[in-house]
Amino acid sequence: MEDLQSALNEQGLTVSTVPEKGEVIISQEPYVCVPNKSSVDSRCDGCFTSSNLKKCSACHVVWYCGSTCQKLEWKLHRLECQALSRLDKDRRKSVTPSILLMVKLYLRRKLQSEKVIPTTATDNYNLVEALVSHMSDIDEKQLVLYAQIANIVNFILQWPEINIKEIAENFSKFACNAHTICDSELRPLGTGLYPVISIINHSCLPNSVLLFEGRLAVIRAVQHIPQGDEVLISYIETAGSTMTRQKALKEQYRFTCTCPRCIKVGQSDDIQESAIVEGYQCKDDRCNGFLLRSSDDKGFVCQQCGLVRDKEEIRKIASELKLMSDKVLMSSSSGNYQETVSMYQKIDKLQRKLCHPFSISLMQTREKLLKILMELQDWREALAYCRLTIPVYQRLYPGFHPLLGLQYYTCGKLEWLLGDTEGAIKITSSKAVDILRVTHGTNTSFMKDLVLKLEEARAEASYKLSSKDELQDLP
């Protein structure tokens, strides 16, 4: 760990550098990583692209987009391929990404110990060993599962000296230290283990953000971080009540958060926020008040106008929602998009009767509608739902949050597709770009493409304006 500390000192993490908004604090390539496995969408093991793929002709498990990625991965895949090729066809199909990730972990350790792959202060197995596993906090059922999949890894590698208990412990380390690798629009692509990034602690009000450039994990400051202050990122989706966030952190990461947001649990502001984002709508739909449980426990009282909603009325709508939600899952699996849109619109209508206008559940329904409508290229309807989500995003996320920036970006893109160039420029330039250049950096391909599109939109708007002026000047 001393070598790591020296390497981090060189990057200014504990010495003198004072990160400003948008500055890269640290970046790291994964120690090991795997793409997501899907029945409809395979990905290159090297760069995670889903284009121009060819399956490895020997193991028939791993895919590559071309010789460049195959050569870069060859030292490790040569051993991985030998191990996977020993499996019969059915066993190969059942190898999950998490099992592959563990196989790669042990193969990389072996290759580094044999000096086939070099080690550095920020790239060595000692950093993996130092990660917390929380084995003592795991229930027996989960321990049994880890032991079972550890035996599968042992069966694949067939190393006499391998330690089953250590493999099980490493699976526990994966659970609370591995990161989901996403593209620039935060769509999940795979999973990676970044031992240095894993050292960074969590806050529900972070001063930094973790994003990915390909497989490279990049931590950027989203605000000025004074010298001596701890760099903090969020491990979870921070939109939610304190109780919801605490539950998610406890279940996956095995700790109780004591950040500035979480220490307010049970205070009046926290109770109000929870009632708004996860609670019910006032009986009077003209009122935006939040509801709290009545003293006699027979209903919920609006804290603004005093109206009471009966428990039975709420239970009835909730039951209808549950029934409709079950139906929409079946419709989604059938691939009937139009029917799915219709059902989600019915869910939206029911949720508007039940939930507060700033409800996360209502926002998530509208997000699903937005996604499907964009698939159907129904830009106008998609834009209508996108606009409805913006006020909720503004409430739920801090000013420089990638999800808020990306929602503005989607809104601007839809404006442009509908021919409203001026609207697109206003949203994309003044809002989306201002946020995304901090969270994503200015030199990433995503931001370069976004700036290029913005320049095209400005040129188009200028042309339209000049054409309009010329027409007005005609006799």
Protein backbone atom coordinates (compact mmCIF):
# COMPACT_ATOMS: atom_id res chain seq x y z
CA MET A 1 0.00 0.00 0.00
CA GLU A 2 3.00 2.34 0.45
CA ASP A 3 3.73 2.12 -3.28
CA LEU A 4 0.09 3.03 -3.98
CA GLN A 5 0.27 5.99 -1.57
CA SER A 6 3.40 7.24 -3.33
CA ALA A 7 1.68 6.89 -6.71
CA LEU A 8 -1.39 8.77 -5.46
CA ASN A 9 0.78 11.47 -3.94
CA GLU A 10 2.26 12.07 -7.38
CA GLN A 11 -1.28 12.77 -8.64
CA GLY A 12 -1.93 15.30 -5.89
CA LEU A 13 -4.64 13.43 -4.03
CA THR A 14 -3.14 13.97 -0.59
CA VAL A 15 -0.48 16.59 -1.20
CA SER A 16 -1.24 19.90 -2.89
CA THR A 17 -3.65 19.79 -5.82
CA VAL A 18 -6.99 21.51 -5.22
CA PRO A 19 -9.46 20.12 -7.80
CA GLU A 20 -11.89 22.52 -9.46
CA LYS A 21 -15.17 21.69 -11.19
CA GLY A 22 -14.70 19.34 -14.13
CA GLU A 23 -11.08 18.47 -13.35
CA VAL A 24 -10.00 14.83 -13.44
CA ILE A 25 -8.95 13.77 -9.94
CA ILE A 26 -7.88 10.23 -10.81
CA SER A 27 -8.49 7.63 -13.51
CA GLN A 28 -7.83 3.89 -13.62
CA GLU A 29 -8.04 1.02 -16.09
CA PRO A 30 -9.82 -2.05 -14.67
CA TYR A 31 -7.79 -4.77 -13.01
CA VAL A 32 -10.29 -7.12 -14.67
CA CYS A 33 -13.58 -6.50 -16.46
CA VAL A 34 -16.27 -8.31 -18.47
CA PRO A 35 -19.01 -7.13 -20.82
CA ASN A 36 -22.65 -7.79 -19.97
CA LYS A 37 -24.13 -11.00 -21.34
CA SER A 38 -27.39 -10.78 -23.27
CA SER A 39 -29.35 -13.20 -25.43
CA VAL A 40 -29.79 -10.48 -28.06
CA ASP A 41 -26.67 -8.33 -27.72
CA SER A 42 -23.08 -9.59 -27.35
CA ARG A 43 -20.12 -7.25 -26.77
CA CYS A 44 -16.42 -7.22 -27.53
CA ASP A 45 -14.34 -8.44 -24.59
CA GLY A 46 -11.80 -5.70 -25.27
CA CYS A 47 -13.69 -2.47 -25.98
CA PHE A 48 -17.32 -3.47 -25.21
CA THR A 49 -18.60 -2.46 -28.64
CA SER A 50 -21.50 -4.47 -30.08
CA SER A 51 -20.52 -3.96 -33.74
CA ASN A 52 -18.70 -6.28 -36.17
CA LEU A 53 -18.25 -9.08 -33.64
CA LYS A 54 -16.74 -12.51 -34.13
CA LYS A 55 -16.80 -15.27 -31.53
CA CYS A 56 -13.54 -16.87 -30.45
CA SER A 57 -13.33 -20.00 -32.62
CA ALA A 58 -11.80 -22.08 -29.80
CA CYS A 59 -13.81 -21.38 -26.64
CA HIS A 60 -17.01 -20.05 -28.31
CA VAL A 61 -17.62 -17.83 -25.25
CA VAL A 62 -15.71 -14.59 -25.78
CA TRP A 63 -16.34 -12.12 -28.64
CA TYR A 64 -13.98 -9.63 -30.31
CA CYS A 65 -14.58 -6.76 -32.74
CA GLY A 66 -11.29 -7.32 -34.53
CA SER A 67 -7.63 -8.26 -34.29
CA THR A 68 -6.64 -5.13 -32.32
CA CYS A 69 -8.77 -6.01 -29.28
CA GLN A 70 -7.97 -9.71 -29.63
CA LYS A 71 -4.20 -9.03 -29.57
CA LEU A 72 -4.50 -6.67 -26.58
CA GLU A 73 -6.39 -9.31 -24.62
CA TRP A 74 -4.44 -12.33 -25.87
CA LYS A 75 -2.03 -12.87 -22.96
CA LEU A 76 -4.94 -13.35 -20.59
CA HIS A 77 -7.41 -14.88 -23.04
CA ARG A 78 -4.92 -17.56 -24.10
CA LEU A 79 -5.22 -19.11 -20.61
CA GLU A 80 -8.91 -18.26 -20.30
CA CYS A 81 -9.59 -19.88 -23.68
CA GLN A 82 -7.80 -23.09 -22.66
CA ALA A 83 -9.86 -23.31 -19.47
CA LEU A 84 -13.20 -22.57 -21.14
CA SER A 85 -12.49 -24.95 -24.04
CA ARG A 86 -12.34 -27.87 -21.60
CA LEU A 87 -16.02 -27.32 -20.72
CA ASP A 88 -18.79 -29.04 -22.64
CA LYS A 89 -21.18 -26.93 -24.74
CA ASP A 90 -23.93 -26.66 -22.10
CA ARG A 91 -21.53 -25.66 -19.33
CA ARG A 92 -19.99 -22.94 -21.53
CA LYS A 93 -23.44 -21.42 -22.11
CA SER A 94 -24.04 -21.25 -18.36
CA VAL A 95 -20.83 -19.32 -17.59
CA THR A 96 -22.07 -15.97 -16.25
CA PRO A 97 -20.19 -12.63 -16.42
CA SER A 98 -19.46 -12.76 -12.67
CA ILE A 99 -17.88 -16.22 -13.02
CA LEU A 100 -15.83 -15.01 -16.02
CA LEU A 101 -14.74 -11.97 -14.00
CA MET A 102 -13.45 -14.24 -11.23
CA VAL A 103 -11.66 -16.52 -13.71
CA LYS A 104 -9.98 -13.45 -15.23
CA LEU A 105 -8.99 -12.24 -11.75
CA TYR A 106 -7.06 -15.42 -10.97
CA LEU A 107 -5.53 -15.64 -14.43
CA ARG A 108 -4.31 -12.02 -14.22
CA ARG A 109 -2.84 -12.68 -10.78
CA LYS A 110 -1.03 -15.71 -12.18
CA LEU A 111 0.33 -13.79 -15.20
CA GLN A 112 1.52 -10.92 -13.01
CA SER A 113 3.23 -13.29 -10.56
CA GLU A 114 5.01 -14.92 -13.54
CA LYS A 115 6.01 -11.44 -14.88
CA VAL A 116 4.09 -12.06 -18.13
CA ILE A 117 1.96 -8.99 -17.36
CA PRO A 118 3.77 -6.13 -15.56
CA THR A 119 2.67 -4.81 -12.17
CA THR A 120 2.61 -1.19 -11.06
CA ALA A 121 1.73 0.63 -7.85
CA THR A 122 -1.85 1.05 -9.11
CA ASP A 123 -2.12 -2.29 -10.94
CA ASN A 124 -1.40 -5.32 -8.77
CA TYR A 125 -3.26 -8.06 -6.91
CA ASN A 126 -2.21 -6.72 -3.48
CA LEU A 127 -4.75 -3.93 -4.00
CA VAL A 128 -7.48 -6.54 -4.53
CA GLU A 129 -6.41 -8.35 -1.36
CA ALA A 130 -6.75 -5.08 0.57
CA LEU A 131 -10.40 -4.55 -0.45
CA VAL A 132 -13.10 -5.14 2.17
CA SER A 133 -15.30 -8.24 1.76
CA HIS A 134 -17.75 -7.89 4.71
CA MET A 135 -17.84 -11.71 4.95
CA SER A 136 -18.80 -11.53 8.64
CA ASP A 137 -21.93 -9.51 7.74
CA ILE A 138 -23.25 -11.92 5.09
CA ASP A 139 -26.10 -14.32 5.84
CA GLU A 140 -25.72 -18.08 5.49
CA LYS A 141 -27.78 -18.30 2.31
CA GLN A 142 -25.46 -15.86 0.51
CA LEU A 143 -22.36 -17.64 1.85
CA VAL A 144 -23.64 -20.93 0.43
CA LEU A 145 -24.21 -19.24 -2.96
CA TYR A 146 -20.68 -17.83 -2.96
CA ALA A 147 -19.31 -21.29 -2.10
CA GLN A 148 -21.26 -22.86 -4.98
CA ILE A 149 -20.03 -20.42 -7.61
CA ALA A 150 -16.50 -20.63 -6.14
CA ASN A 151 -16.62 -24.35 -6.89
CA ILE A 152 -17.63 -23.58 -10.50
CA VAL A 153 -14.57 -21.31 -10.83
CA ASN A 154 -12.43 -24.09 -9.37
CA PHE A 155 -13.91 -26.54 -11.89
CA ILE A 156 -13.06 -24.19 -14.77
CA LEU A 157 -9.48 -23.43 -13.68
CA GLN A 158 -8.63 -26.89 -12.30
CA TRP A 159 -5.70 -25.61 -10.23
CA PRO A 160 -4.79 -28.00 -7.38
CA GLU A 161 -3.50 -25.18 -5.16
CA ILE A 162 -6.58 -22.93 -5.49
CA ASN A 163 -8.34 -21.82 -2.30
CA ILE A 164 -12.16 -22.18 -2.50
CA LYS A 165 -12.68 -20.02 0.59
CA GLU A 166 -10.59 -17.23 -0.94
CA ILE A 167 -12.62 -17.36 -4.17
CA ALA A 168 -15.85 -17.09 -2.15
CA GLU A 169 -14.43 -14.11 -0.28
CA ASN A 170 -13.46 -12.48 -3.58
CA PHE A 171 -17.05 -12.86 -4.81
CA SER A 172 -18.09 -10.95 -1.71
CA LYS A 173 -15.50 -8.30 -2.61
CA PHE A 174 -17.00 -8.06 -6.09
CA ALA A 175 -20.44 -7.44 -4.58
CA CYS A 176 -19.34 -4.34 -2.68
CA ASN A 177 -16.38 -3.11 -4.78
CA ALA A 178 -17.01 -3.86 -8.48
CA HIS A 179 -18.42 -1.06 -10.65
CA THR A 180 -20.95 -1.13 -13.46
CA ILE A 181 -19.19 0.19 -16.57
CA CYS A 182 -21.52 2.53 -18.48
CA ASP A 183 -21.32 4.47 -21.73
CA SER A 184 -21.49 8.27 -21.86
CA GLU A 185 -25.29 8.17 -21.62
CA LEU A 186 -25.05 5.93 -18.53
CA ARG A 187 -26.27 2.78 -20.27
CA PRO A 188 -24.65 -0.29 -18.63
CA LEU A 189 -22.08 -2.15 -20.73
CA GLY A 190 -20.28 -4.41 -18.29
CA THR A 191 -18.63 -4.83 -14.90
CA GLY A 192 -15.10 -3.96 -13.80
CA LEU A 193 -12.95 -4.12 -10.69
CA TYR A 194 -11.05 -0.89 -10.02
CA PRO A 195 -9.16 -1.35 -6.72
CA VAL A 196 -7.93 2.25 -6.45
CA ILE A 197 -11.31 3.76 -7.33
CA SER A 198 -12.88 1.43 -4.73
CA ILE A 199 -10.91 3.18 -1.99
CA ILE A 200 -12.94 6.38 -2.56
CA ASN A 201 -15.75 6.68 -0.02
CA HIS A 202 -19.45 7.30 -0.54
CA SER A 203 -21.65 10.31 0.10
CA CYS A 204 -25.28 10.94 -0.88
CA LEU A 205 -24.11 14.51 -1.52
CA PRO A 206 -20.82 13.81 -3.35
CA ASN A 207 -18.25 16.37 -4.48
CA SER A 208 -17.12 14.16 -7.39
CA VAL A 209 -18.61 11.88 -10.02
CA LEU A 210 -17.48 8.54 -11.48
CA LEU A 211 -17.96 8.08 -15.22
CA PHE A 212 -16.32 5.88 -17.83
CA GLU A 213 -14.45 6.60 -21.04
CA GLY A 214 -14.53 3.19 -22.67
CA ARG A 215 -13.25 0.94 -19.87
CA LEU A 216 -11.30 3.73 -18.17
CA ALA A 217 -12.88 4.84 -14.87
CA VAL A 218 -12.59 8.61 -14.42
CA ILE A 219 -13.30 10.60 -11.24
CA ARG A 220 -14.07 14.29 -11.85
CA ALA A 221 -14.77 17.03 -9.33
CA VAL A 222 -18.26 18.53 -9.65
CA GLN A 223 -17.43 21.36 -7.26
CA HIS A 224 -14.38 23.06 -5.81
CA ILE A 225 -12.74 20.66 -3.33
CA PRO A 226 -10.62 22.49 -0.74
CA GLN A 227 -7.21 21.06 0.11
CA GLY A 228 -7.56 18.41 2.82
CA ASP A 229 -11.20 17.60 2.07
CA GLU A 230 -12.06 14.00 1.24
CA VAL A 231 -12.96 13.09 -2.34
CA LEU A 232 -16.43 11.49 -2.29
CA ILE A 233 -18.58 9.79 -4.93
CA SER A 234 -22.01 8.18 -4.76
CA TYR A 235 -22.24 4.38 -4.82
CA ILE A 236 -25.99 4.34 -5.43
CA GLU A 237 -28.85 6.20 -7.13
CA THR A 238 -29.24 9.21 -4.82
CA ALA A 239 -32.82 10.05 -5.87
CA GLY A 240 -34.84 8.64 -3.01
CA SER A 241 -35.72 9.11 0.62
CA THR A 242 -33.05 8.75 3.29
CA MET A 243 -34.58 5.45 4.38
CA THR A 244 -34.47 4.11 0.80
CA ARG A 245 -30.85 5.17 0.32
CA GLN A 246 -29.80 3.75 3.70
CA LYS A 247 -31.49 0.44 2.89
CA ALA A 248 -29.70 0.17 -0.48
CA LEU A 249 -26.31 0.98 1.07
CA LYS A 250 -26.79 -1.46 3.93
CA GLU A 251 -27.89 -4.33 1.67
CA GLN A 252 -25.11 -4.04 -0.90
CA TYR A 253 -22.25 -2.19 0.78
CA ARG A 254 -22.85 -3.17 4.43
CA PHE A 255 -22.54 0.27 6.02
CA THR A 256 -24.72 3.07 7.37
CA CYS A 257 -24.14 6.41 5.66
CA THR A 258 -23.57 9.48 7.86
CA CYS A 259 -23.28 12.07 5.09
CA PRO A 260 -24.90 15.55 5.48
CA ARG A 261 -28.12 14.28 3.86
CA CYS A 262 -28.38 11.10 5.91
CA ILE A 263 -27.80 12.63 9.34
CA LYS A 264 -31.06 14.53 8.86
CA VAL A 265 -33.09 11.31 8.97
CA GLY A 266 -36.23 11.79 11.06
CA GLN A 267 -35.98 15.58 11.02
CA SER A 268 -38.92 17.61 9.67
CA ASP A 269 -37.19 18.48 6.36
CA ASP A 270 -36.29 14.84 5.78
CA ILE A 271 -39.83 13.64 6.60
CA GLN A 272 -41.27 16.21 4.18
CA GLU A 273 -38.89 15.23 1.38
CA SER A 274 -39.67 11.52 1.86
CA ALA A 275 -43.42 12.24 1.76
CA ILE A 276 -42.99 14.16 -1.50
CA VAL A 277 -40.72 11.79 -3.46
CA GLU A 278 -42.25 8.53 -2.20
CA GLY A 279 -45.63 9.57 -0.80
CA TYR A 280 -49.15 10.41 -1.91
CA GLN A 281 -50.95 13.21 -3.76
CA CYS A 282 -53.42 15.47 -1.96
CA LYS A 283 -57.10 14.63 -2.53
CA ASP A 284 -57.45 18.09 -4.10
CA ASP A 285 -55.41 17.83 -7.31
CA ARG A 286 -54.98 21.63 -7.31
CA CYS A 287 -53.00 21.35 -4.06
CA ASN A 288 -49.30 20.40 -4.08
CA GLY A 289 -49.15 19.63 -0.37
CA PHE A 290 -47.52 16.48 1.02
CA LEU A 291 -49.35 13.87 3.10
CA LEU A 292 -48.46 12.36 6.46
CA ARG A 293 -50.17 9.51 8.30
CA SER A 294 -53.09 10.66 10.50
CA SER A 295 -52.90 10.25 14.27
CA ASP A 296 -55.68 7.62 14.24
CA ASP A 297 -53.87 5.71 11.42
CA LYS A 298 -57.03 5.69 9.29
CA GLY A 299 -55.73 7.89 6.52
CA PHE A 300 -53.21 10.50 5.39
CA VAL A 301 -53.50 14.23 6.10
CA CYS A 302 -52.37 16.92 3.64
CA GLN A 303 -49.96 19.20 5.51
CA GLN A 304 -50.95 22.17 3.34
CA CYS A 305 -54.76 22.16 3.10
CA GLY A 306 -55.70 19.64 5.81
CA LEU A 307 -57.73 17.27 3.59
CA VAL A 308 -57.64 13.59 4.58
CA ARG A 309 -57.19 10.69 2.12
CA ASP A 310 -58.78 7.47 3.26
CA LYS A 311 -56.50 4.44 3.59
CA GLU A 312 -58.95 2.26 1.67
CA GLU A 313 -59.02 4.65 -1.27
CA ILE A 314 -55.22 4.58 -1.45
CA ARG A 315 -55.15 0.79 -1.12
CA LYS A 316 -57.65 0.43 -3.97
CA ILE A 317 -55.63 2.56 -6.39
CA ALA A 318 -52.41 0.80 -5.31
CA SER A 319 -54.04 -2.58 -6.08
CA GLU A 320 -55.07 -1.37 -9.55
CA LEU A 321 -51.51 -0.19 -10.14
CA LYS A 322 -50.07 -3.55 -9.09
CA LEU A 323 -52.43 -5.37 -11.47
CA MET A 324 -51.58 -3.03 -14.35
CA SER A 325 -47.83 -3.28 -13.64
CA ASP A 326 -47.99 -7.09 -13.82
CA LYS A 327 -49.81 -6.85 -17.17
CA VAL A 328 -47.28 -4.42 -18.64
CA LEU A 329 -44.43 -6.81 -17.85
CA MET A 330 -46.11 -9.49 -19.93
CA SER A 331 -46.77 -7.00 -22.73
CA SER A 332 -43.13 -5.81 -22.72
CA SER A 333 -41.83 -9.37 -23.10
CA SER A 334 -44.09 -9.93 -26.14
CA GLY A 335 -42.47 -6.99 -27.98
CA ASN A 336 -45.77 -5.19 -28.63
CA TYR A 337 -44.56 -1.61 -28.14
CA GLN A 338 -47.86 0.13 -28.90
CA GLU A 339 -49.72 -1.98 -26.36
CA THR A 340 -46.95 -1.38 -23.82
CA VAL A 341 -47.20 2.40 -24.36
CA SER A 342 -50.97 2.25 -23.82
CA MET A 343 -50.54 0.32 -20.56
CA TYR A 344 -47.85 2.64 -19.22
CA GLN A 345 -50.10 5.59 -20.01
CA LYS A 346 -52.82 3.98 -17.90
CA ILE A 347 -50.28 3.47 -15.11
CA ASP A 348 -49.29 7.13 -15.45
CA LYS A 349 -52.95 8.15 -15.08
CA LEU A 350 -53.39 6.03 -11.94
CA GLN A 351 -50.13 7.30 -10.44
CA ARG A 352 -51.24 10.90 -10.99
CA LYS A 353 -54.26 10.10 -8.82
CA LEU A 354 -52.14 8.45 -6.15
CA CYS A 355 -48.65 9.96 -6.10
CA HIS A 356 -47.26 13.41 -5.42
CA PRO A 357 -46.33 15.29 -8.66
CA PHE A 358 -42.65 14.98 -7.68
CA SER A 359 -42.95 11.24 -7.05
CA ILE A 360 -40.03 9.07 -8.15
CA SER A 361 -42.44 6.28 -9.19
CA LEU A 362 -44.30 8.65 -11.52
CA MET A 363 -41.01 9.92 -12.95
CA GLN A 364 -39.82 6.34 -13.59
CA THR A 365 -43.04 5.51 -15.47
CA ARG A 366 -42.55 8.56 -17.66
CA GLU A 367 -38.93 7.54 -18.23
CA LYS A 368 -40.13 4.16 -19.52
CA LEU A 369 -42.65 5.85 -21.80
CA LEU A 370 -39.94 8.22 -23.08
CA LYS A 371 -37.63 5.31 -23.90
CA ILE A 372 -40.31 3.30 -25.75
CA LEU A 373 -41.63 6.33 -27.65
CA MET A 374 -38.09 7.12 -28.82
CA GLU A 375 -37.77 3.52 -30.02
CA LEU A 376 -41.00 4.08 -31.97
CA GLN A 377 -39.63 7.44 -33.22
CA ASP A 378 -42.69 9.24 -31.89
CA TRP A 379 -40.62 12.34 -31.17
CA ARG A 380 -43.49 14.68 -30.26
CA GLU A 381 -45.00 12.38 -27.63
CA ALA A 382 -41.53 11.50 -26.35
CA LEU A 383 -40.73 15.21 -25.91
CA ALA A 384 -43.95 15.74 -23.95
CA TYR A 385 -42.96 13.08 -21.41
CA CYS A 386 -39.33 14.25 -21.33
CA ARG A 387 -40.48 17.78 -20.41
CA LEU A 388 -42.63 16.35 -17.61
CA THR A 389 -39.57 14.68 -16.04
CA ILE A 390 -37.35 17.80 -16.04
CA PRO A 391 -38.84 19.51 -12.92
CA VAL A 392 -38.51 16.22 -11.00
CA TYR A 393 -34.88 15.82 -12.09
CA GLN A 394 -34.19 19.41 -11.03
CA ARG A 395 -35.58 18.67 -7.58
CA LEU A 396 -33.94 15.26 -7.10
CA TYR A 397 -30.41 15.95 -8.37
CA PRO A 398 -27.80 18.62 -7.57
CA GLY A 399 -26.92 21.17 -10.26
CA PHE A 400 -23.96 19.26 -11.70
CA HIS A 401 -25.30 15.74 -11.95
CA PRO A 402 -24.80 13.68 -15.14
CA LEU A 403 -28.41 12.40 -15.13
CA LEU A 404 -29.78 15.96 -15.08
CA GLY A 405 -27.41 16.99 -17.88
CA LEU A 406 -28.35 13.95 -19.97
CA GLN A 407 -32.07 14.65 -19.51
CA TYR A 408 -31.57 18.19 -20.81
CA TYR A 409 -29.56 16.68 -23.67
CA THR A 410 -32.41 14.28 -24.55
CA CYS A 411 -34.90 17.15 -24.45
CA GLY A 412 -32.73 19.26 -26.76
CA LYS A 413 -32.22 16.35 -29.15
CA LEU A 414 -35.98 15.82 -29.41
CA GLU A 415 -36.54 19.55 -29.99
CA TRP A 416 -34.08 19.40 -32.89
CA LEU A 417 -35.68 16.27 -34.39
CA LEU A 418 -39.00 18.12 -34.37
CA GLY A 419 -37.48 21.10 -36.20
CA ASP A 420 -37.37 23.50 -33.24
CA THR A 421 -33.73 24.45 -33.70
CA GLU A 422 -33.90 27.50 -31.43
CA GLY A 423 -35.46 25.44 -28.62
CA ALA A 424 -32.78 22.78 -29.05
CA ILE A 425 -29.99 25.37 -28.85
CA LYS A 426 -31.49 26.98 -25.75
CA ILE A 427 -31.79 23.68 -23.88
CA THR A 428 -28.60 22.02 -25.15
CA SER A 429 -26.22 24.98 -24.92
CA SER A 430 -27.37 26.73 -21.76
CA LYS A 431 -28.26 23.66 -19.70
CA ALA A 432 -27.01 20.31 -21.00
CA VAL A 433 -23.54 21.44 -22.10
CA ASP A 434 -22.96 23.49 -18.93
CA ILE A 435 -23.50 20.36 -16.82
CA LEU A 436 -21.97 17.70 -19.08
CA ARG A 437 -18.72 19.55 -19.70
CA VAL A 438 -18.16 19.30 -15.92
CA THR A 439 -19.29 15.69 -15.45
CA HIS A 440 -17.99 14.28 -18.75
CA GLY A 441 -15.04 16.58 -19.45
CA THR A 442 -14.52 18.66 -22.58
CA ASN A 443 -12.20 16.32 -24.50
CA THR A 444 -14.29 13.13 -24.56
CA SER A 445 -15.71 11.94 -27.88
CA PHE A 446 -19.24 12.28 -26.46
CA MET A 447 -18.74 15.97 -25.64
CA LYS A 448 -16.95 16.68 -28.92
CA ASP A 449 -19.92 15.17 -30.81
CA LEU A 450 -22.36 17.17 -28.66
CA VAL A 451 -20.53 20.45 -29.31
CA LEU A 452 -20.41 19.63 -33.04
CA LYS A 453 -24.19 19.01 -33.10
CA LEU A 454 -24.70 22.28 -31.26
CA GLU A 455 -22.63 24.13 -33.88
CA GLU A 456 -24.73 22.49 -36.63
CA ALA A 457 -27.92 23.59 -34.87
CA ARG A 458 -26.63 27.17 -34.57
CA ALA A 459 -25.71 27.22 -38.27
CA GLU A 460 -29.17 25.88 -39.14
CA ALA A 461 -30.86 28.50 -36.94
CA SER A 462 -28.75 31.27 -38.49
CA TYR A 463 -29.66 30.08 -42.00
CA LYS A 464 -33.38 30.00 -41.14
CA LEU A 465 -33.18 33.51 -39.70
CA SER A 466 -31.37 34.93 -42.74
CA SER A 467 -33.83 33.21 -45.10
CA LYS A 468 -36.71 34.71 -43.13
CA ASP A 469 -35.14 38.20 -43.33
CA GLU A 470 -34.64 37.85 -47.11
CA LEU A 471 -38.30 36.91 -47.59
CA GLN A 472 -39.41 39.93 -45.56
CA ASP A 473 -37.23 42.21 -47.73
CA LEU A 474 -38.87 41.00 -50.96
CA PRO A 475 -41.30 43.49 -52.54
